[in-house]
Amino acid sequence: MKTKALFKLILLLVFVIVFSAVLFAFTSSSTKTFEDIQKIPAQDVFTQSDQNYLVYFWQEGCKYCIEVEPDIVTYANDSSIPVYVVDMKKEANFHAWYDWEFHHDKFDVVIGKIKDGKEVYQDGIDLADYTNDAEINWSIEETEDKKIIASHNTPYPKTAPKSTEELEIVGTPTMISVQNGAFDSYYFGVDEIRDLMTK
């Protein structure tokens, strides 16, 4: 009778140990969700303790961020290279945005005006020069003060920042690779980020 009780006790003990080990393994290696990925402020982009890592610039409500989010999560779970997230909607990170206002002040061109309800273009203006430009994305817009402008929508950011002060995030999603505490490479948009995630 004692051997039967001892056998049951050992069997129960083995079951508890195996169950505990499985439960521990499951909870300790549970799949990260996007919310589980560590968030950092933009000022800390180059100061993480890891030798090599990726920094993903994101903002809530960004449809392209939503599109690439599963790839980010899969990469964060499967890769040995850490991923950090910078929330570009947080005020502390606003300094990292590309200065679009300065850009438009510098590069937009007044090409005409609205006079008596009609578009009147300046002499020598050919709209095709703007609408068919292969290098610059232009849009033709009317301002509140009835000017017609060619709005220059191709950014010229610093794509190799040496410090957080030089970060210029033109939009989200954007990702940079940091190696040995220094900038390595820059990725913008769903396609470039997906390509990086599958390397």
Protein backbone atom coordinates (compact mmCIF):
# COMPACT_ATOMS: atom_id res chain seq x y z
CA MET A 1 0.00 0.00 0.00
CA LYS A 2 2.88 2.37 0.83
CA THR A 3 4.45 1.77 -2.58
CA LYS A 4 1.19 2.60 -4.32
CA ALA A 5 0.87 5.85 -2.36
CA LEU A 6 4.55 6.64 -2.98
CA PHE A 7 4.09 5.91 -6.70
CA LYS A 8 1.05 8.24 -6.84
CA LEU A 9 2.97 10.94 -4.98
CA ILE A 10 5.93 10.65 -7.36
CA LEU A 11 3.59 10.68 -10.36
CA LEU A 12 1.81 13.75 -9.01
CA LEU A 13 5.14 15.45 -8.31
CA VAL A 14 6.39 14.70 -11.85
CA PHE A 15 3.12 16.05 -13.28
CA VAL A 16 3.40 19.27 -11.23
CA ILE A 17 7.04 19.76 -12.28
CA VAL A 18 6.30 19.16 -15.97
CA PHE A 19 3.21 21.39 -15.85
CA SER A 20 5.17 24.15 -14.09
CA ALA A 21 8.01 23.92 -16.62
CA VAL A 22 5.60 24.13 -19.56
CA LEU A 23 3.74 27.03 -17.97
CA PHE A 24 7.01 28.86 -17.26
CA ALA A 25 8.29 28.29 -20.79
CA PHE A 26 5.01 29.49 -22.27
CA THR A 27 4.81 32.65 -20.17
CA SER A 28 8.48 33.58 -20.40
CA SER A 29 8.66 33.25 -24.18
CA SER A 30 5.19 34.50 -24.95
CA THR A 31 4.85 36.34 -28.20
CA LYS A 32 5.40 40.06 -27.95
CA THR A 33 2.66 42.32 -29.17
CA PHE A 34 3.39 45.76 -30.52
CA GLU A 35 2.53 47.23 -27.13
CA ASP A 36 5.25 45.04 -25.54
CA ILE A 37 8.04 46.54 -27.65
CA GLN A 38 10.00 49.05 -25.57
CA LYS A 39 9.17 52.71 -26.22
CA ILE A 40 11.95 55.28 -26.01
CA PRO A 41 12.09 59.06 -26.47
CA ALA A 42 13.74 60.35 -29.65
CA GLN A 43 16.56 61.85 -27.58
CA ASP A 44 17.63 58.29 -26.64
CA VAL A 45 17.85 56.92 -30.19
CA PHE A 46 21.65 56.58 -30.10
CA THR A 47 22.09 55.77 -26.40
CA GLN A 48 20.68 52.26 -25.99
CA SER A 49 22.99 49.72 -24.37
CA ASP A 50 22.70 47.19 -27.20
CA GLN A 51 25.50 47.14 -29.75
CA ASN A 52 23.11 46.88 -32.74
CA TYR A 53 19.41 47.70 -32.78
CA LEU A 54 16.57 49.17 -34.80
CA VAL A 55 14.51 52.24 -33.93
CA TYR A 56 11.01 52.41 -35.37
CA PHE A 57 9.35 55.83 -35.65
CA TRP A 58 5.60 55.37 -35.37
CA GLN A 59 2.40 57.22 -34.59
CA GLU A 60 -1.05 56.03 -33.66
CA GLY A 61 -3.58 56.22 -36.48
CA CYS A 62 -0.95 56.08 -39.24
CA LYS A 63 -2.41 53.68 -41.82
CA TYR A 64 1.03 52.73 -43.12
CA CYS A 65 2.21 52.01 -39.57
CA ILE A 66 -0.79 49.72 -39.10
CA GLU A 67 0.10 47.99 -42.37
CA VAL A 68 3.69 47.24 -41.32
CA GLU A 69 2.96 46.54 -37.63
CA PRO A 70 2.68 42.72 -38.02
CA ASP A 71 6.11 42.68 -39.69
CA ILE A 72 7.60 44.70 -36.83
CA VAL A 73 6.10 42.34 -34.23
CA THR A 74 7.30 39.22 -36.08
CA TYR A 75 10.79 40.68 -36.38
CA ALA A 76 10.86 41.69 -32.71
CA ASN A 77 9.90 38.14 -31.73
CA ASP A 78 12.18 36.26 -34.13
CA SER A 79 15.32 38.38 -34.40
CA SER A 80 18.18 38.73 -31.97
CA ILE A 81 18.38 42.42 -32.90
CA PRO A 82 16.26 44.53 -30.53
CA VAL A 83 13.62 46.93 -31.78
CA TYR A 84 12.72 50.17 -29.99
CA VAL A 85 9.75 52.41 -30.78
CA VAL A 86 9.58 56.21 -30.81
CA ASP A 87 6.03 57.58 -30.63
CA MET A 88 6.08 60.63 -32.89
CA LYS A 89 2.81 61.95 -31.45
CA LYS A 90 4.45 62.57 -28.07
CA GLU A 91 5.41 66.18 -27.57
CA ALA A 92 8.88 65.20 -26.32
CA ASN A 93 9.58 63.77 -29.79
CA PHE A 94 8.28 66.68 -31.89
CA HIS A 95 11.81 68.01 -32.40
CA ALA A 96 12.60 64.92 -34.49
CA TRP A 97 10.05 65.79 -37.19
CA TYR A 98 11.22 67.19 -40.50
CA ASP A 99 10.37 70.91 -40.66
CA TRP A 100 7.78 70.89 -43.43
CA GLU A 101 6.81 74.52 -42.79
CA PHE A 102 10.38 75.68 -43.43
CA HIS A 103 10.56 73.35 -46.44
CA HIS A 104 7.42 74.83 -48.04
CA ASP A 105 8.54 78.39 -47.28
CA LYS A 106 11.80 77.67 -49.05
CA PHE A 107 10.70 75.54 -52.03
CA ASP A 108 7.06 76.34 -52.88
CA VAL A 109 6.63 78.59 -55.93
CA VAL A 110 3.87 81.12 -56.62
CA ILE A 111 2.86 80.44 -60.23
CA GLY A 112 -0.32 82.48 -60.54
CA LYS A 113 -3.42 83.84 -58.89
CA ILE A 114 -7.18 83.62 -58.98
CA LYS A 115 -8.62 86.73 -60.63
CA ASP A 116 -12.36 87.16 -61.09
CA GLY A 117 -12.81 83.46 -60.32
CA LYS A 118 -10.36 82.33 -63.03
CA GLU A 119 -6.86 80.89 -62.81
CA VAL A 120 -4.32 83.33 -64.19
CA TYR A 121 -0.78 81.97 -64.48
CA GLN A 122 2.40 84.03 -64.60
CA ASP A 123 4.05 84.44 -67.99
CA GLY A 124 6.21 81.49 -68.95
CA ILE A 125 4.57 79.04 -66.54
CA ASP A 126 3.91 75.60 -67.99
CA LEU A 127 1.99 73.39 -65.54
CA ALA A 128 3.54 70.31 -67.17
CA ASP A 129 6.91 71.41 -65.78
CA TYR A 130 5.46 70.69 -62.35
CA THR A 131 2.96 67.90 -62.97
CA ASN A 132 5.39 65.80 -65.04
CA ASP A 133 8.50 66.34 -62.91
CA ALA A 134 10.07 62.91 -62.33
CA GLU A 135 12.32 64.06 -59.48
CA ILE A 136 10.05 66.30 -57.40
CA ASN A 137 6.51 65.66 -56.26
CA TRP A 138 4.60 68.89 -56.88
CA SER A 139 0.96 69.66 -56.21
CA ILE A 140 -0.86 72.71 -57.51
CA GLU A 141 -2.79 74.47 -54.75
CA GLU A 142 -4.79 77.61 -54.17
CA THR A 143 -4.04 79.61 -51.03
CA GLU A 144 -6.55 81.53 -48.92
CA ASP A 145 -5.27 84.78 -50.40
CA LYS A 146 -6.06 83.51 -53.94
CA LYS A 147 -2.51 82.68 -55.00
CA ILE A 148 -1.81 79.57 -57.03
CA ILE A 149 1.28 77.80 -55.79
CA ALA A 150 3.28 74.81 -56.89
CA SER A 151 3.74 73.04 -53.57
CA HIS A 152 7.05 71.17 -53.35
CA ASN A 153 6.37 67.86 -51.58
CA THR A 154 9.70 66.07 -51.89
CA PRO A 155 11.62 66.32 -48.61
CA TYR A 156 15.37 66.69 -48.25
CA PRO A 157 15.98 65.24 -44.79
CA LYS A 158 19.29 64.37 -43.24
CA THR A 159 19.22 60.62 -43.86
CA ALA A 160 22.46 59.98 -42.00
CA PRO A 161 22.05 61.80 -38.67
CA LYS A 162 25.07 61.86 -36.38
CA SER A 163 23.06 62.91 -33.33
CA THR A 164 19.48 63.13 -32.15
CA GLU A 165 19.55 66.84 -32.95
CA GLU A 166 20.00 65.92 -36.62
CA LEU A 167 17.04 63.52 -36.78
CA GLU A 168 14.53 64.57 -39.44
CA ILE A 169 11.63 62.17 -39.64
CA VAL A 170 9.65 63.09 -42.77
CA GLY A 171 6.76 60.77 -42.00
CA THR A 172 5.82 57.45 -40.50
CA PRO A 173 6.64 54.65 -40.68
CA THR A 174 10.39 55.27 -40.58
CA MET A 175 13.08 53.00 -39.18
CA ILE A 176 16.76 53.50 -38.60
CA SER A 177 19.45 50.97 -37.87
CA VAL A 178 21.97 51.84 -35.17
CA GLN A 179 25.29 50.02 -34.91
CA ASN A 180 27.81 50.66 -32.16
CA GLY A 181 25.86 53.72 -31.02
CA ALA A 182 25.99 55.39 -34.44
CA PHE A 183 23.62 55.74 -37.35
CA ASP A 184 23.87 52.90 -39.88
CA SER A 185 20.93 53.11 -42.30
CA TYR A 186 17.56 54.77 -42.89
CA TYR A 187 14.32 53.16 -44.09
CA PHE A 188 11.13 55.02 -44.96
CA GLY A 189 7.75 53.59 -45.84
CA VAL A 190 6.16 50.17 -45.80
CA ASP A 191 8.20 48.62 -48.63
CA GLU A 192 11.64 49.64 -47.34
CA ILE A 193 10.80 48.54 -43.79
CA ARG A 194 9.40 45.20 -44.98
CA ASP A 195 12.55 44.62 -47.03
CA LEU A 196 14.64 45.22 -43.91
CA MET A 197 12.45 42.91 -41.81
CA THR A 198 12.99 40.03 -44.27
CA LYS A 199 16.80 40.36 -44.61
